[in-house]
Amino acid sequence: MLFVGYLNERLRAFKSSNEEKVQHNGEVSCYKNRQIPMLFEDRQSLEEQLHTRFSPKEKELLAQCRQGCPHREQAIREELITIMFLPMQPPEIRTSQVIATCR
């Protein structure tokens, strides 16, 4: 009988411990579920801040590229035309003429 009483006591202790763990896990789950929307809102806020901060700089860089690229492209075309239409001369003379036109 003493042994049965001991087992019943252990069983009650186990059930009690198990119920506490289940309750604790439920509380943690609720806490985490409340955190998810807050973290999502924080993420959206950070994305908006990044967009606000870097969008003007991005537009400025894009405008600079759009202005600079056509000028560089035109300069390269002019160099190619100059090279193509140089009279056939020894390479060292042609090279010096190309260098002079590129300056």
Protein backbone atom coordinates (compact mmCIF):
# COMPACT_ATOMS: atom_id res chain seq x y z
CA MET A 1 0.00 0.00 0.00
CA LEU A 2 2.81 2.36 0.83
CA PHE A 3 4.25 1.82 -2.62
CA VAL A 4 0.88 2.57 -4.30
CA GLY A 5 0.58 5.77 -2.28
CA TYR A 6 4.08 6.72 -3.37
CA LEU A 7 3.21 6.08 -7.04
CA ASN A 8 0.00 8.10 -6.75
CA GLU A 9 1.95 10.98 -5.22
CA ARG A 10 4.51 10.84 -8.05
CA LEU A 11 1.69 10.73 -10.62
CA ARG A 12 0.05 13.84 -9.09
CA ALA A 13 3.41 15.64 -9.06
CA PHE A 14 3.98 14.71 -12.70
CA LYS A 15 0.49 15.89 -13.71
CA SER A 16 0.98 19.14 -11.82
CA SER A 17 4.38 19.71 -13.41
CA ASN A 18 3.00 18.84 -16.82
CA GLU A 19 0.07 21.26 -16.40
CA GLU A 20 2.49 24.02 -15.40
CA LYS A 21 4.57 23.37 -18.51
CA VAL A 22 1.49 23.39 -20.72
CA GLN A 23 0.32 26.65 -19.15
CA HIS A 24 3.79 28.19 -19.52
CA ASN A 25 3.99 27.11 -23.17
CA GLY A 26 0.53 28.59 -23.79
CA GLU A 27 1.63 31.90 -22.29
CA VAL A 28 4.81 31.93 -24.37
CA SER A 29 2.79 31.13 -27.48
CA CYS A 30 0.37 34.02 -26.79
CA TYR A 31 3.29 36.38 -26.18
CA LYS A 32 4.98 35.35 -29.43
CA ASN A 33 1.70 35.68 -31.34
CA ARG A 34 1.35 39.26 -30.04
CA GLN A 35 4.93 40.00 -31.10
CA ILE A 36 4.45 38.95 -34.72
CA PRO A 37 2.25 41.92 -35.77
CA MET A 38 4.49 44.34 -33.86
CA LEU A 39 7.59 42.99 -35.60
CA PHE A 40 5.82 43.20 -38.95
CA GLU A 41 4.92 46.85 -38.28
CA ASP A 42 8.52 47.57 -37.23
CA ARG A 43 9.78 45.99 -40.44
CA GLN A 44 7.39 48.07 -42.56
CA SER A 45 8.48 51.20 -40.74
CA LEU A 46 12.16 50.44 -41.37
CA GLU A 47 11.50 49.74 -45.05
CA GLU A 48 9.69 53.07 -45.37
CA GLN A 49 12.58 54.86 -43.65
CA LEU A 50 15.08 53.24 -45.99
CA HIS A 51 12.99 54.13 -49.02
CA THR A 52 12.59 57.73 -47.83
CA ARG A 53 16.28 58.07 -47.08
CA PHE A 54 17.73 56.44 -50.20
CA SER A 55 15.13 57.17 -52.86
CA PRO A 56 16.24 60.79 -53.48
CA LYS A 57 19.90 59.72 -53.65
CA GLU A 58 19.00 56.90 -56.01
CA LYS A 59 17.11 59.30 -58.29
CA GLU A 60 20.03 61.73 -58.23
CA LEU A 61 22.51 59.01 -59.21
CA LEU A 62 20.23 57.79 -61.96
CA ALA A 63 19.93 61.33 -63.35
CA GLN A 64 23.71 61.72 -63.29
CA CYS A 65 24.13 58.47 -65.19
CA ARG A 66 21.54 59.49 -67.75
CA GLN A 67 23.37 62.77 -68.29
CA GLY A 68 26.88 61.34 -68.31
CA CYS A 69 26.39 58.24 -70.43
CA PRO A 70 25.31 59.97 -73.66
CA HIS A 71 28.32 62.33 -73.45
CA ARG A 72 30.70 59.42 -72.93
CA GLU A 73 29.04 57.44 -75.70
CA GLN A 74 29.38 60.36 -78.11
CA ALA A 75 33.05 60.83 -77.20
CA ILE A 76 33.74 57.13 -77.84
CA ARG A 77 31.97 57.30 -81.22
CA GLU A 78 34.02 60.31 -82.21
CA GLU A 79 37.23 58.51 -81.22
CA LEU A 80 36.24 55.46 -83.27
CA ILE A 81 35.43 57.60 -86.29
CA THR A 82 38.77 59.35 -85.94
CA ILE A 83 40.60 56.04 -85.73
CA MET A 84 38.72 54.53 -88.66
CA PHE A 85 39.34 57.44 -91.01
CA LEU A 86 43.00 58.08 -90.25
CA PRO A 87 45.09 57.68 -93.36
CA MET A 88 46.97 54.42 -93.49
CA GLN A 89 50.29 55.30 -91.93
CA PRO A 90 52.82 53.37 -89.91
CA PRO A 91 51.32 52.28 -86.55
CA GLU A 92 53.51 54.54 -84.44
CA ILE A 93 52.36 57.66 -86.32
CA ARG A 94 48.70 56.61 -86.23
CA THR A 95 48.94 55.93 -82.50
CA SER A 96 50.37 59.35 -81.79
CA GLN A 97 47.61 60.98 -83.86
CA VAL A 98 44.93 59.06 -81.97
CA ILE A 99 46.45 60.05 -78.66
CA ALA A 100 46.52 63.68 -79.79
CA THR A 101 42.84 63.60 -80.82
CA CYS A 102 41.79 62.04 -77.53
CA ARG A 103 43.23 64.88 -75.48
